[in-house]
Amino acid sequence: LIVYDKRGRDRGAGGWFRLLARLRARRPSHALLFKRFFRNGLLARLSGARVRAGFSTGGEAPFLNLTLPYDESVSITRLNLRLAGLLGASEDDARPELWLSEGDRAEADQWIASRHLVDAPLVAAHYGGLSTPPTFLPPGAFATLVRRAAGPGRRVVLLGSGDAEVRWAAGIAELIPGAVRATGLPLRGAQEVLARAQGSLREALGKR
């Protein structure tokens, strides 16, 4: 794993060339680019990789020699699978997977116990995202949806990460009696809490 920290140690032209040197030292045979950034394509070309696969936009894909047209009407998960399929990967299974260690589960157990949720049936909900503010639905309306989905007897767990999502979750929690904020958890801990929930907001609403 080679990390490109463009805002830290790899900042500026010097950092970029140091990264390029690390890539070339590995003598890569393939480059698979899921992002359509000029910088990434140039790195792939200069890395020495003979096969450089990625998306084309408007028929253009600088520095790549194996391309797939980017289609806004297709989910990014399916698009990425199609791109990987150009190199022989299976495109059939689009289910996300995240493997957890016993330590991850123990950490989640500790968090659940500290919130007195061990035997509580849960519904998990997430509002918005880090890159796209959830302006499509006011917090009050979202809270109404969550209360309806949870119904009687189920506790609501609000997932999120980052300053903006922590603020949104705090505001929504005030509108939902007994809601618990699961903000700031590591990704794997949040995944285990989500797995313990009896349903997601989408699933619960679909059944009502």
N, C-alpha and C. Protein backbone atom coordinates (compact mmCIF):
# COMPACT_ATOMS: atom_id res chain seq x y z
N LEU A 1 0.85 -1.19 0.00
CA LEU A 1 0.00 0.00 0.00
C LEU A 1 0.88 1.24 0.00
N ILE A 2 0.71 2.08 -1.00
CA ILE A 2 1.42 3.35 -1.08
C ILE A 2 0.39 4.46 -0.91
N VAL A 3 0.56 5.28 0.11
CA VAL A 3 -0.39 6.35 0.40
C VAL A 3 0.11 7.64 -0.24
N TYR A 4 -0.78 8.31 -0.96
CA TYR A 4 -0.47 9.62 -1.56
C TYR A 4 -1.13 10.68 -0.69
N ASP A 5 -0.36 11.33 0.15
CA ASP A 5 -0.87 12.35 1.07
C ASP A 5 -0.63 13.72 0.45
N LYS A 6 -1.51 14.11 -0.47
CA LYS A 6 -1.26 15.32 -1.25
C LYS A 6 -1.40 16.60 -0.43
N ARG A 7 -2.04 16.52 0.74
CA ARG A 7 -2.15 17.70 1.59
C ARG A 7 -1.15 17.67 2.75
N GLY A 8 -0.36 16.60 2.83
CA GLY A 8 0.61 16.46 3.90
C GLY A 8 2.01 16.31 3.37
N ARG A 9 2.60 15.14 3.61
CA ARG A 9 4.02 14.95 3.27
C ARG A 9 4.28 14.97 1.77
N ASP A 10 3.24 14.72 0.96
CA ASP A 10 3.44 14.69 -0.49
C ASP A 10 2.97 15.97 -1.17
N ARG A 11 2.88 17.06 -0.40
CA ARG A 11 2.44 18.32 -0.97
C ARG A 11 3.45 18.86 -1.99
N GLY A 12 2.89 19.56 -2.96
CA GLY A 12 3.74 20.27 -3.92
C GLY A 12 4.40 19.36 -4.94
N ALA A 13 5.20 20.00 -5.80
CA ALA A 13 5.86 19.26 -6.89
C ALA A 13 6.85 18.23 -6.34
N GLY A 14 7.57 18.60 -5.27
CA GLY A 14 8.55 17.66 -4.71
C GLY A 14 7.89 16.40 -4.21
N GLY A 15 6.77 16.55 -3.51
CA GLY A 15 6.05 15.37 -3.01
C GLY A 15 5.51 14.52 -4.14
N TRP A 16 5.05 15.18 -5.20
CA TRP A 16 4.50 14.45 -6.35
C TRP A 16 5.58 13.59 -7.00
N PHE A 17 6.76 14.16 -7.17
CA PHE A 17 7.84 13.40 -7.79
C PHE A 17 8.35 12.28 -6.88
N ARG A 18 8.32 12.50 -5.57
CA ARG A 18 8.70 11.42 -4.65
C ARG A 18 7.71 10.26 -4.75
N LEU A 19 6.43 10.60 -4.85
CA LEU A 19 5.42 9.56 -5.02
C LEU A 19 5.65 8.80 -6.32
N LEU A 20 5.93 9.53 -7.39
CA LEU A 20 6.18 8.89 -8.69
C LEU A 20 7.36 7.94 -8.61
N ALA A 21 8.40 8.34 -7.88
CA ALA A 21 9.57 7.47 -7.72
C ALA A 21 9.20 6.19 -6.99
N ARG A 22 8.35 6.30 -5.96
CA ARG A 22 7.92 5.10 -5.23
C ARG A 22 7.11 4.17 -6.13
N LEU A 23 6.26 4.77 -6.97
CA LEU A 23 5.47 3.95 -7.89
C LEU A 23 6.36 3.23 -8.91
N ARG A 24 7.27 3.96 -9.51
CA ARG A 24 8.13 3.37 -10.53
C ARG A 24 9.01 2.27 -9.95
N ALA A 25 9.40 2.41 -8.68
CA ALA A 25 10.23 1.39 -8.04
C ALA A 25 9.50 0.07 -7.92
N ARG A 26 8.17 0.11 -7.88
CA ARG A 26 7.38 -1.12 -7.80
C ARG A 26 7.18 -1.79 -9.16
N ARG A 27 7.51 -1.11 -10.23
CA ARG A 27 7.38 -1.63 -11.60
C ARG A 27 5.97 -2.20 -11.83
N PRO A 28 4.93 -1.38 -11.68
CA PRO A 28 3.56 -1.89 -11.83
C PRO A 28 3.26 -2.31 -13.26
N SER A 29 2.44 -3.34 -13.39
CA SER A 29 2.03 -3.80 -14.73
C SER A 29 0.69 -3.19 -15.13
N HIS A 30 -0.18 -2.91 -14.13
CA HIS A 30 -1.53 -2.41 -14.40
C HIS A 30 -1.83 -1.20 -13.52
N ALA A 31 -2.62 -0.30 -14.04
CA ALA A 31 -3.17 0.81 -13.27
C ALA A 31 -4.67 0.83 -13.50
N LEU A 32 -5.45 0.82 -12.43
CA LEU A 32 -6.91 0.82 -12.52
C LEU A 32 -7.39 2.08 -11.80
N LEU A 33 -7.95 3.01 -12.56
CA LEU A 33 -8.30 4.33 -12.03
C LEU A 33 -9.82 4.47 -11.92
N PHE A 34 -10.31 4.55 -10.69
CA PHE A 34 -11.76 4.72 -10.48
C PHE A 34 -12.16 6.19 -10.46
N LYS A 35 -11.17 7.09 -10.38
CA LYS A 35 -11.45 8.52 -10.41
C LYS A 35 -10.97 9.12 -11.72
N ARG A 36 -11.68 10.14 -12.19
CA ARG A 36 -11.35 10.74 -13.48
C ARG A 36 -10.52 12.02 -13.29
N PHE A 37 -9.41 11.92 -12.59
CA PHE A 37 -8.55 13.07 -12.35
C PHE A 37 -7.37 13.04 -13.31
N PHE A 38 -7.07 14.18 -13.90
CA PHE A 38 -5.92 14.29 -14.81
C PHE A 38 -4.65 13.83 -14.11
N ARG A 39 -4.47 14.26 -12.85
CA ARG A 39 -3.25 13.92 -12.09
C ARG A 39 -3.08 12.41 -11.97
N ASN A 40 -4.18 11.71 -11.71
CA ASN A 40 -4.09 10.25 -11.55
C ASN A 40 -3.70 9.58 -12.86
N GLY A 41 -4.29 10.04 -13.95
CA GLY A 41 -3.94 9.46 -15.24
C GLY A 41 -2.48 9.68 -15.60
N LEU A 42 -1.99 10.88 -15.27
CA LEU A 42 -0.58 11.17 -15.55
C LEU A 42 0.33 10.30 -14.70
N LEU A 43 -0.02 10.11 -13.43
CA LEU A 43 0.77 9.22 -12.57
C LEU A 43 0.79 7.80 -13.12
N ALA A 44 -0.38 7.34 -13.59
CA ALA A 44 -0.45 5.99 -14.14
C ALA A 44 0.46 5.86 -15.36
N ARG A 45 0.44 6.88 -16.22
CA ARG A 45 1.26 6.83 -17.43
C ARG A 45 2.75 6.84 -17.09
N LEU A 46 3.15 7.70 -16.17
CA LEU A 46 4.56 7.82 -15.84
C LEU A 46 5.05 6.70 -14.92
N SER A 47 4.11 5.96 -14.32
CA SER A 47 4.51 4.86 -13.44
C SER A 47 5.15 3.72 -14.22
N GLY A 48 4.87 3.67 -15.52
CA GLY A 48 5.39 2.59 -16.35
C GLY A 48 4.41 1.45 -16.55
N ALA A 49 3.21 1.55 -15.97
CA ALA A 49 2.21 0.49 -16.15
C ALA A 49 1.82 0.40 -17.62
N ARG A 50 1.86 -0.81 -18.17
CA ARG A 50 1.54 -0.98 -19.58
C ARG A 50 0.04 -0.96 -19.83
N VAL A 51 -0.74 -1.44 -18.86
CA VAL A 51 -2.20 -1.42 -18.97
C VAL A 51 -2.72 -0.35 -18.02
N ARG A 52 -3.43 0.63 -18.59
CA ARG A 52 -3.95 1.74 -17.79
C ARG A 52 -5.43 1.89 -18.08
N ALA A 53 -6.26 1.40 -17.14
CA ALA A 53 -7.70 1.34 -17.34
C ALA A 53 -8.40 2.41 -16.52
N GLY A 54 -9.42 3.02 -17.13
CA GLY A 54 -10.19 4.03 -16.42
C GLY A 54 -11.36 4.49 -17.26
N PHE A 55 -12.06 5.49 -16.78
CA PHE A 55 -13.25 6.01 -17.46
C PHE A 55 -12.87 7.08 -18.47
N SER A 56 -13.63 7.12 -19.55
CA SER A 56 -13.50 8.21 -20.51
C SER A 56 -14.70 9.13 -20.38
N THR A 57 -14.48 10.42 -20.60
CA THR A 57 -15.55 11.42 -20.55
C THR A 57 -15.61 12.11 -21.89
N GLY A 58 -16.74 12.01 -22.55
CA GLY A 58 -16.86 12.60 -23.88
C GLY A 58 -15.89 11.99 -24.87
N GLY A 59 -15.58 10.73 -24.66
CA GLY A 59 -14.65 10.04 -25.55
C GLY A 59 -13.19 10.32 -25.28
N GLU A 60 -12.91 11.12 -24.26
CA GLU A 60 -11.53 11.49 -23.94
C GLU A 60 -11.08 10.80 -22.65
N ALA A 61 -9.86 10.30 -22.67
CA ALA A 61 -9.25 9.68 -21.48
C ALA A 61 -7.74 9.79 -21.60
N PRO A 62 -7.19 10.97 -21.27
CA PRO A 62 -5.74 11.17 -21.43
C PRO A 62 -4.94 10.13 -20.65
N PHE A 63 -3.94 9.58 -21.30
CA PHE A 63 -2.95 8.69 -20.70
C PHE A 63 -3.46 7.25 -20.51
N LEU A 64 -4.72 6.95 -20.81
CA LEU A 64 -5.25 5.60 -20.61
C LEU A 64 -5.32 4.86 -21.93
N ASN A 65 -5.21 3.54 -21.87
CA ASN A 65 -5.31 2.74 -23.09
C ASN A 65 -6.37 1.65 -23.01
N LEU A 66 -7.14 1.63 -21.92
CA LEU A 66 -8.26 0.70 -21.78
C LEU A 66 -9.35 1.47 -21.05
N THR A 67 -10.43 1.79 -21.76
CA THR A 67 -11.39 2.73 -21.19
C THR A 67 -12.82 2.22 -21.25
N LEU A 68 -13.63 2.83 -20.39
CA LEU A 68 -15.06 2.58 -20.33
C LEU A 68 -15.75 3.93 -20.26
N PRO A 69 -16.77 4.19 -21.10
CA PRO A 69 -17.46 5.49 -21.03
C PRO A 69 -18.11 5.70 -19.67
N TYR A 70 -17.93 6.88 -19.09
CA TYR A 70 -18.56 7.20 -17.81
C TYR A 70 -20.02 7.52 -18.07
N ASP A 71 -20.92 6.84 -17.34
CA ASP A 71 -22.36 6.96 -17.56
C ASP A 71 -23.02 7.43 -16.28
N GLU A 72 -23.50 8.66 -16.26
CA GLU A 72 -24.12 9.23 -15.06
C GLU A 72 -25.40 8.50 -14.65
N SER A 73 -26.01 7.75 -15.58
CA SER A 73 -27.26 7.07 -15.26
C SER A 73 -27.05 5.74 -14.54
N VAL A 74 -25.80 5.31 -14.38
CA VAL A 74 -25.47 4.04 -13.73
C VAL A 74 -24.84 4.33 -12.38
N SER A 75 -25.19 3.55 -11.37
CA SER A 75 -24.62 3.76 -10.04
C SER A 75 -23.11 3.60 -10.08
N ILE A 76 -22.42 4.33 -9.20
CA ILE A 76 -20.96 4.29 -9.20
C ILE A 76 -20.45 2.90 -8.84
N THR A 77 -21.20 2.17 -8.01
CA THR A 77 -20.80 0.81 -7.68
C THR A 77 -20.78 -0.07 -8.91
N ARG A 78 -21.85 0.01 -9.69
CA ARG A 78 -21.94 -0.80 -10.91
C ARG A 78 -20.90 -0.36 -11.94
N LEU A 79 -20.68 0.95 -12.04
CA LEU A 79 -19.68 1.44 -12.99
C LEU A 79 -18.29 0.93 -12.62
N ASN A 80 -17.95 0.99 -11.34
CA ASN A 80 -16.63 0.53 -10.91
C ASN A 80 -16.45 -0.96 -11.17
N LEU A 81 -17.53 -1.72 -10.96
CA LEU A 81 -17.46 -3.16 -11.24
C LEU A 81 -17.24 -3.41 -12.73
N ARG A 82 -17.92 -2.63 -13.56
CA ARG A 82 -17.73 -2.78 -15.01
C ARG A 82 -16.30 -2.46 -15.40
N LEU A 83 -15.74 -1.43 -14.78
CA LEU A 83 -14.37 -1.06 -15.08
C LEU A 83 -13.41 -2.18 -14.66
N ALA A 84 -13.61 -2.71 -13.46
CA ALA A 84 -12.77 -3.83 -13.02
C ALA A 84 -12.97 -5.04 -13.92
N GLY A 85 -14.18 -5.17 -14.49
CA GLY A 85 -14.45 -6.27 -15.40
C GLY A 85 -13.60 -6.23 -16.65
N LEU A 86 -13.14 -5.04 -17.04
CA LEU A 86 -12.26 -4.94 -18.20
C LEU A 86 -10.95 -5.68 -17.97
N LEU A 87 -10.60 -5.86 -16.69
CA LEU A 87 -9.36 -6.57 -16.35
C LEU A 87 -9.63 -7.99 -15.88
N GLY A 88 -10.87 -8.47 -16.09
CA GLY A 88 -11.17 -9.86 -15.78
C GLY A 88 -11.86 -10.12 -14.46
N ALA A 89 -12.15 -9.08 -13.68
CA ALA A 89 -12.83 -9.28 -12.40
C ALA A 89 -14.31 -9.57 -12.64
N SER A 90 -14.94 -10.25 -11.68
CA SER A 90 -16.36 -10.55 -11.78
C SER A 90 -17.19 -9.30 -11.57
N GLU A 91 -18.21 -9.11 -12.40
CA GLU A 91 -19.10 -7.96 -12.28
C GLU A 91 -20.43 -8.32 -11.64
N ASP A 92 -20.61 -9.57 -11.23
CA ASP A 92 -21.94 -10.05 -10.85
C ASP A 92 -22.38 -9.60 -9.46
N ASP A 93 -21.49 -9.55 -8.50
CA ASP A 93 -21.86 -9.32 -7.12
C ASP A 93 -21.53 -7.88 -6.71
N ALA A 94 -22.58 -7.07 -6.56
CA ALA A 94 -22.39 -5.67 -6.21
C ALA A 94 -22.56 -5.41 -4.73
N ARG A 95 -22.69 -6.46 -3.93
CA ARG A 95 -22.87 -6.26 -2.49
C ARG A 95 -21.57 -5.81 -1.85
N PRO A 96 -21.62 -4.75 -1.04
CA PRO A 96 -20.39 -4.32 -0.35
C PRO A 96 -20.03 -5.28 0.77
N GLU A 97 -18.75 -5.45 1.01
CA GLU A 97 -18.28 -6.32 2.09
C GLU A 97 -17.25 -5.57 2.92
N LEU A 98 -17.33 -5.75 4.22
CA LEU A 98 -16.36 -5.17 5.14
C LEU A 98 -16.10 -6.20 6.22
N TRP A 99 -14.91 -6.76 6.23
CA TRP A 99 -14.58 -7.83 7.16
C TRP A 99 -14.12 -7.25 8.48
N LEU A 100 -14.68 -7.75 9.57
CA LEU A 100 -14.39 -7.23 10.91
C LEU A 100 -13.57 -8.22 11.71
N SER A 101 -12.66 -7.69 12.53
CA SER A 101 -11.88 -8.53 13.43
C SER A 101 -12.62 -8.70 14.75
N GLU A 102 -12.12 -9.60 15.58
CA GLU A 102 -12.71 -9.75 16.90
C GLU A 102 -12.54 -8.47 17.71
N GLY A 103 -11.45 -7.76 17.49
CA GLY A 103 -11.24 -6.49 18.17
C GLY A 103 -12.28 -5.45 17.77
N ASP A 104 -12.62 -5.44 16.46
CA ASP A 104 -13.66 -4.52 15.98
C ASP A 104 -14.99 -4.81 16.68
N ARG A 105 -15.33 -6.08 16.77
CA ARG A 105 -16.61 -6.47 17.39
C ARG A 105 -16.60 -6.18 18.89
N ALA A 106 -15.46 -6.40 19.53
CA ALA A 106 -15.36 -6.13 20.95
C ALA A 106 -15.53 -4.63 21.22
N GLU A 107 -14.95 -3.81 20.35
CA GLU A 107 -15.09 -2.36 20.51
C GLU A 107 -16.54 -1.94 20.34
N ALA A 108 -17.22 -2.54 19.35
CA ALA A 108 -18.64 -2.22 19.15
C ALA A 108 -19.47 -2.71 20.33
N ASP A 109 -19.14 -3.90 20.87
CA ASP A 109 -19.86 -4.41 22.05
C ASP A 109 -19.75 -3.44 23.21
N GLN A 110 -18.55 -2.91 23.39
CA GLN A 110 -18.33 -1.98 24.50
C GLN A 110 -19.15 -0.70 24.30
N TRP A 111 -19.19 -0.21 23.07
CA TRP A 111 -19.96 1.00 22.79
C TRP A 111 -21.45 0.75 23.02
N ILE A 112 -21.96 -0.38 22.53
CA ILE A 112 -23.38 -0.71 22.69
C ILE A 112 -23.73 -0.85 24.16
N ALA A 113 -22.86 -1.50 24.94
CA ALA A 113 -23.13 -1.67 26.36
C ALA A 113 -23.12 -0.34 27.10
N SER A 114 -22.21 0.56 26.70
CA SER A 114 -22.11 1.86 27.38
C SER A 114 -23.34 2.72 27.13
N ARG A 115 -24.10 2.43 26.07
CA ARG A 115 -25.33 3.18 25.76
C ARG A 115 -26.58 2.41 26.18
N HIS A 116 -26.38 1.32 26.90
CA HIS A 116 -27.50 0.50 27.39
C HIS A 116 -28.41 0.02 26.25
N LEU A 117 -27.75 -0.48 25.20
CA LEU A 117 -28.49 -0.92 24.01
C LEU A 117 -28.35 -2.42 23.76
N VAL A 118 -27.84 -3.16 24.73
CA VAL A 118 -27.53 -4.57 24.51
C VAL A 118 -28.76 -5.35 24.08
N ASP A 119 -29.86 -5.16 24.76
CA ASP A 119 -31.07 -5.93 24.44
C ASP A 119 -32.12 -5.09 23.72
N ALA A 120 -31.75 -3.90 23.28
CA ALA A 120 -32.72 -3.01 22.65
C ALA A 120 -32.78 -3.27 21.15
N PRO A 121 -33.98 -3.44 20.60
CA PRO A 121 -34.10 -3.51 19.13
C PRO A 121 -33.79 -2.14 18.55
N LEU A 122 -33.01 -2.13 17.47
CA LEU A 122 -32.50 -0.87 16.93
C LEU A 122 -32.94 -0.65 15.49
N VAL A 123 -33.07 0.62 15.13
CA VAL A 123 -33.20 1.05 13.74
C VAL A 123 -32.09 2.06 13.49
N ALA A 124 -31.31 1.85 12.44
CA ALA A 124 -30.19 2.73 12.13
C ALA A 124 -30.58 3.71 11.03
N ALA A 125 -30.18 4.96 11.19
CA ALA A 125 -30.49 5.98 10.20
C ALA A 125 -29.28 6.89 10.02
N HIS A 126 -29.11 7.41 8.80
CA HIS A 126 -28.01 8.31 8.48
C HIS A 126 -28.57 9.48 7.67
N TYR A 127 -28.16 10.68 8.04
CA TYR A 127 -28.72 11.88 7.42
C TYR A 127 -27.63 12.60 6.64
N GLY A 128 -27.81 12.69 5.33
CA GLY A 128 -26.88 13.47 4.52
C GLY A 128 -25.57 12.78 4.25
N GLY A 129 -24.54 13.57 4.08
CA GLY A 129 -23.21 13.05 3.79
C GLY A 129 -22.18 14.15 3.87
N LEU A 130 -20.91 13.76 3.90
CA LEU A 130 -19.85 14.74 4.03
C LEU A 130 -19.72 15.61 2.79
N SER A 131 -19.94 15.05 1.62
CA SER A 131 -19.74 15.80 0.39
C SER A 131 -21.01 16.49 -0.11
N THR A 132 -22.18 15.99 0.29
CA THR A 132 -23.44 16.56 -0.19
C THR A 132 -24.35 16.87 0.99
N PRO A 133 -24.50 18.13 1.38
CA PRO A 133 -25.40 18.45 2.49
C PRO A 133 -26.82 17.99 2.18
N PRO A 134 -27.55 17.51 3.18
CA PRO A 134 -28.89 16.94 2.95
C PRO A 134 -29.97 18.00 2.85
N THR A 135 -29.80 18.96 1.95
CA THR A 135 -30.77 20.02 1.81
C THR A 135 -32.09 19.55 1.19
N PHE A 136 -32.11 18.32 0.69
CA PHE A 136 -33.33 17.81 0.06
C PHE A 136 -34.43 17.53 1.07
N LEU A 137 -34.10 17.44 2.36
CA LEU A 137 -35.09 17.08 3.37
C LEU A 137 -34.75 17.80 4.68
N PRO A 138 -35.63 18.68 5.17
CA PRO A 138 -35.35 19.38 6.43
C PRO A 138 -35.21 18.40 7.59
N PRO A 139 -34.43 18.75 8.61
CA PRO A 139 -34.24 17.85 9.75
C PRO A 139 -35.54 17.42 10.41
N GLY A 140 -36.50 18.35 10.51
CA GLY A 140 -37.77 17.99 11.13
C GLY A 140 -38.51 16.91 10.37
N ALA A 141 -38.50 17.01 9.04
CA ALA A 141 -39.16 16.00 8.22
C ALA A 141 -38.44 14.67 8.31
N PHE A 142 -37.10 14.72 8.35
CA PHE A 142 -36.33 13.49 8.49
C PHE A 142 -36.63 12.82 9.82
N ALA A 143 -36.70 13.61 10.90
CA ALA A 143 -37.02 13.06 12.21
C ALA A 143 -38.39 12.39 12.22
N THR A 144 -39.35 12.99 11.51
CA THR A 144 -40.69 12.38 11.42
C THR A 144 -40.62 11.03 10.72
N LEU A 145 -39.84 10.96 9.64
CA LEU A 145 -39.68 9.69 8.93
C LEU A 145 -39.05 8.63 9.84
N VAL A 146 -38.03 9.03 10.60
CA VAL A 146 -37.35 8.08 11.47
C VAL A 146 -38.29 7.58 12.57
N ARG A 147 -39.05 8.47 13.16
CA ARG A 147 -40.00 8.05 14.21
C ARG A 147 -41.03 7.09 13.64
N ARG A 148 -41.49 7.36 12.44
CA ARG A 148 -42.46 6.46 11.81
C ARG A 148 -41.85 5.10 11.51
N ALA A 149 -40.60 5.11 11.05
CA ALA A 149 -39.94 3.85 10.72
C ALA A 149 -39.69 3.02 11.97
N ALA A 150 -39.28 3.69 13.04
CA ALA A 150 -38.95 2.96 14.27
C ALA A 150 -40.19 2.37 14.92
N GLY A 151 -41.27 3.14 14.90
CA GLY A 151 -42.48 2.64 15.56
C GLY A 151 -42.25 2.46 17.05
N PRO A 152 -43.16 1.79 17.72
CA PRO A 152 -43.01 1.58 19.15
C PRO A 152 -41.99 0.48 19.47
N GLY A 153 -41.19 0.71 20.50
CA GLY A 153 -40.32 -0.35 21.00
C GLY A 153 -38.95 -0.45 20.39
N ARG A 154 -38.62 0.39 19.41
CA ARG A 154 -37.29 0.31 18.80
C ARG A 154 -36.54 1.61 19.01
N ARG A 155 -35.27 1.50 19.39
CA ARG A 155 -34.43 2.67 19.60
C ARG A 155 -33.80 3.09 18.28
N VAL A 156 -33.64 4.38 18.12
CA VAL A 156 -33.06 4.93 16.90
C VAL A 156 -31.58 5.23 17.15
N VAL A 157 -30.72 4.75 16.24
CA VAL A 157 -29.29 5.04 16.28
C VAL A 157 -28.98 5.89 15.05
N LEU A 158 -28.41 7.07 15.29
CA LEU A 158 -28.07 7.99 14.21
C LEU A 158 -26.59 7.87 13.90
N LEU A 159 -26.27 7.40 12.70
CA LEU A 159 -24.89 7.22 12.27
C LEU A 159 -24.37 8.48 11.58
N GLY A 160 -23.07 8.69 11.65
CA GLY A 160 -22.48 9.83 10.97
C GLY A 160 -21.04 10.02 11.36
N SER A 161 -20.35 10.87 10.58
CA SER A 161 -18.94 11.14 10.84
C SER A 161 -18.61 12.53 10.34
N GLY A 162 -17.72 13.21 11.02
CA GLY A 162 -17.34 14.56 10.60
C GLY A 162 -18.16 15.61 11.32
N ASP A 163 -17.62 16.83 11.37
CA ASP A 163 -18.26 17.90 12.13
C ASP A 163 -19.69 18.19 11.68
N ALA A 164 -19.91 18.24 10.35
CA ALA A 164 -21.24 18.56 9.85
C ALA A 164 -22.25 17.50 10.25
N GLU A 165 -21.90 16.23 10.09
CA GLU A 165 -22.84 15.16 10.42
C GLU A 165 -23.08 15.07 11.93
N VAL A 166 -22.06 15.40 12.73
CA VAL A 166 -22.25 15.42 14.18
C VAL A 166 -23.28 16.49 14.55
N ARG A 167 -23.20 17.65 13.91
CA ARG A 167 -24.17 18.72 14.18
C ARG A 167 -25.57 18.30 13.75
N TRP A 168 -25.68 17.71 12.57
CA TRP A 168 -27.00 17.28 12.09
C TRP A 168 -27.60 16.24 13.02
N ALA A 169 -26.79 15.27 13.42
CA ALA A 169 -27.29 14.21 14.30
C ALA A 169 -27.73 14.78 15.64
N ALA A 170 -27.00 15.76 16.16
CA ALA A 170 -27.37 16.36 17.45
C ALA A 170 -28.72 17.04 17.34
N GLY A 171 -28.94 17.77 16.26
CA GLY A 171 -30.22 18.44 16.07
C GLY A 171 -31.37 17.47 15.89
N ILE A 172 -31.15 16.41 15.14
CA ILE A 172 -32.21 15.43 14.90
C ILE A 172 -32.50 14.63 16.16
N ALA A 173 -31.46 14.32 16.95
CA ALA A 173 -31.65 13.55 18.18
C ALA A 173 -32.58 14.28 19.15
N GLU A 174 -32.56 15.62 19.13
CA GLU A 174 -33.44 16.38 20.00
C GLU A 174 -34.91 16.23 19.61
N LEU A 175 -35.15 15.80 18.38
CA LEU A 175 -36.52 15.66 17.89
C LEU A 175 -37.05 14.23 17.99
N ILE A 176 -36.17 13.29 18.38
CA ILE A 176 -36.56 11.88 18.45
C ILE A 176 -36.30 11.38 19.87
N PRO A 177 -37.34 11.16 20.65
CA PRO A 177 -37.13 10.70 22.03
C PRO A 177 -36.33 9.39 22.08
N GLY A 178 -35.29 9.38 22.90
CA GLY A 178 -34.50 8.16 23.09
C GLY A 178 -33.49 7.88 22.01
N ALA A 179 -33.34 8.78 21.03
CA ALA A 179 -32.37 8.54 19.95
C ALA A 179 -30.95 8.57 20.50
N VAL A 180 -30.10 7.73 19.94
CA VAL A 180 -28.71 7.63 20.36
C VAL A 180 -27.81 8.02 19.19
N ARG A 181 -26.86 8.89 19.43
CA ARG A 181 -25.95 9.32 18.37
C ARG A 181 -24.74 8.40 18.32
N ALA A 182 -24.52 7.79 17.17
CA ALA A 182 -23.35 6.94 16.95
C ALA A 182 -22.42 7.66 15.99
N THR A 183 -22.12 8.93 16.30
CA THR A 183 -21.26 9.73 15.44
C THR A 183 -19.82 9.67 15.92
N GLY A 184 -18.91 9.69 14.99
CA GLY A 184 -17.50 9.65 15.34
C GLY A 184 -16.94 8.26 15.56
N LEU A 185 -17.76 7.23 15.37
CA LEU A 185 -17.24 5.87 15.50
C LEU A 185 -16.33 5.54 14.33
N PRO A 186 -15.30 4.72 14.55
CA PRO A 186 -14.51 4.23 13.41
C PRO A 186 -15.43 3.48 12.43
N LEU A 187 -15.04 3.44 11.18
CA LEU A 187 -15.88 2.83 10.15
C LEU A 187 -16.29 1.41 10.52
N ARG A 188 -15.34 0.61 11.00
CA ARG A 188 -15.65 -0.79 11.31
C ARG A 188 -16.56 -0.89 12.53
N GLY A 189 -16.39 0.01 13.49
CA GLY A 189 -17.29 0.00 14.63
C GLY A 189 -18.69 0.40 14.22
N ALA A 190 -18.80 1.39 13.35
CA ALA A 190 -20.12 1.80 12.85
C ALA A 190 -20.78 0.67 12.06
N GLN A 191 -19.97 -0.07 11.30
CA GLN A 191 -20.51 -1.21 10.54
C GLN A 191 -21.09 -2.27 11.47
N GLU A 192 -20.41 -2.55 12.57
CA GLU A 192 -20.90 -3.57 13.49
C GLU A 192 -22.17 -3.09 14.19
N VAL A 193 -22.24 -1.81 14.56
CA VAL A 193 -23.47 -1.27 15.15
C VAL A 193 -24.61 -1.37 14.14
N LEU A 194 -24.32 -1.05 12.88
CA LEU A 194 -25.34 -1.15 11.83
C LEU A 194 -25.81 -2.59 11.67
N ALA A 195 -24.87 -3.54 11.76
CA ALA A 195 -25.24 -4.95 11.62
C ALA A 195 -26.13 -5.42 12.76
N ARG A 196 -25.99 -4.80 13.94
CA ARG A 196 -26.82 -5.19 15.08
C ARG A 196 -28.25 -4.65 14.98
N ALA A 197 -28.43 -3.61 14.16
CA ALA A 197 -29.76 -3.02 14.02
C ALA A 197 -30.71 -4.00 13.34
N GLN A 198 -31.97 -3.95 13.73
CA GLN A 198 -32.97 -4.82 13.11
C GLN A 198 -33.36 -4.35 11.73
N GLY A 199 -33.04 -3.14 11.41
CA GLY A 199 -33.36 -2.65 10.08
C GLY A 199 -32.80 -1.28 9.87
N SER A 200 -32.70 -0.87 8.62
CA SER A 200 -32.30 0.48 8.28
C SER A 200 -33.55 1.31 8.07
N LEU A 201 -33.37 2.61 7.96
CA LEU A 201 -34.51 3.48 7.71
C LEU A 201 -35.22 3.09 6.43
N ARG A 202 -34.47 2.82 5.39
CA ARG A 202 -35.07 2.46 4.10
C ARG A 202 -35.88 1.17 4.21
N GLU A 203 -35.31 0.16 4.88
CA GLU A 203 -36.01 -1.11 5.02
C GLU A 203 -37.28 -0.97 5.85
N ALA A 204 -37.17 -0.20 6.94
CA ALA A 204 -38.32 -0.05 7.83
C ALA A 204 -39.46 0.69 7.13
N LEU A 205 -39.14 1.73 6.37
CA LEU A 205 -40.18 2.47 5.68
C LEU A 205 -40.81 1.62 4.58
N GLY A 206 -40.00 0.76 3.97
CA GLY A 206 -40.54 -0.07 2.91
C GLY A 206 -41.55 -1.09 3.40
N LYS A 207 -41.48 -1.45 4.67
CA LYS A 207 -42.38 -2.44 5.23
C LYS A 207 -43.63 -1.83 5.85
N ARG A 208 -43.71 -0.49 5.87
CA ARG A 208 -44.82 0.15 6.55
C ARG A 208 -45.79 0.78 5.55
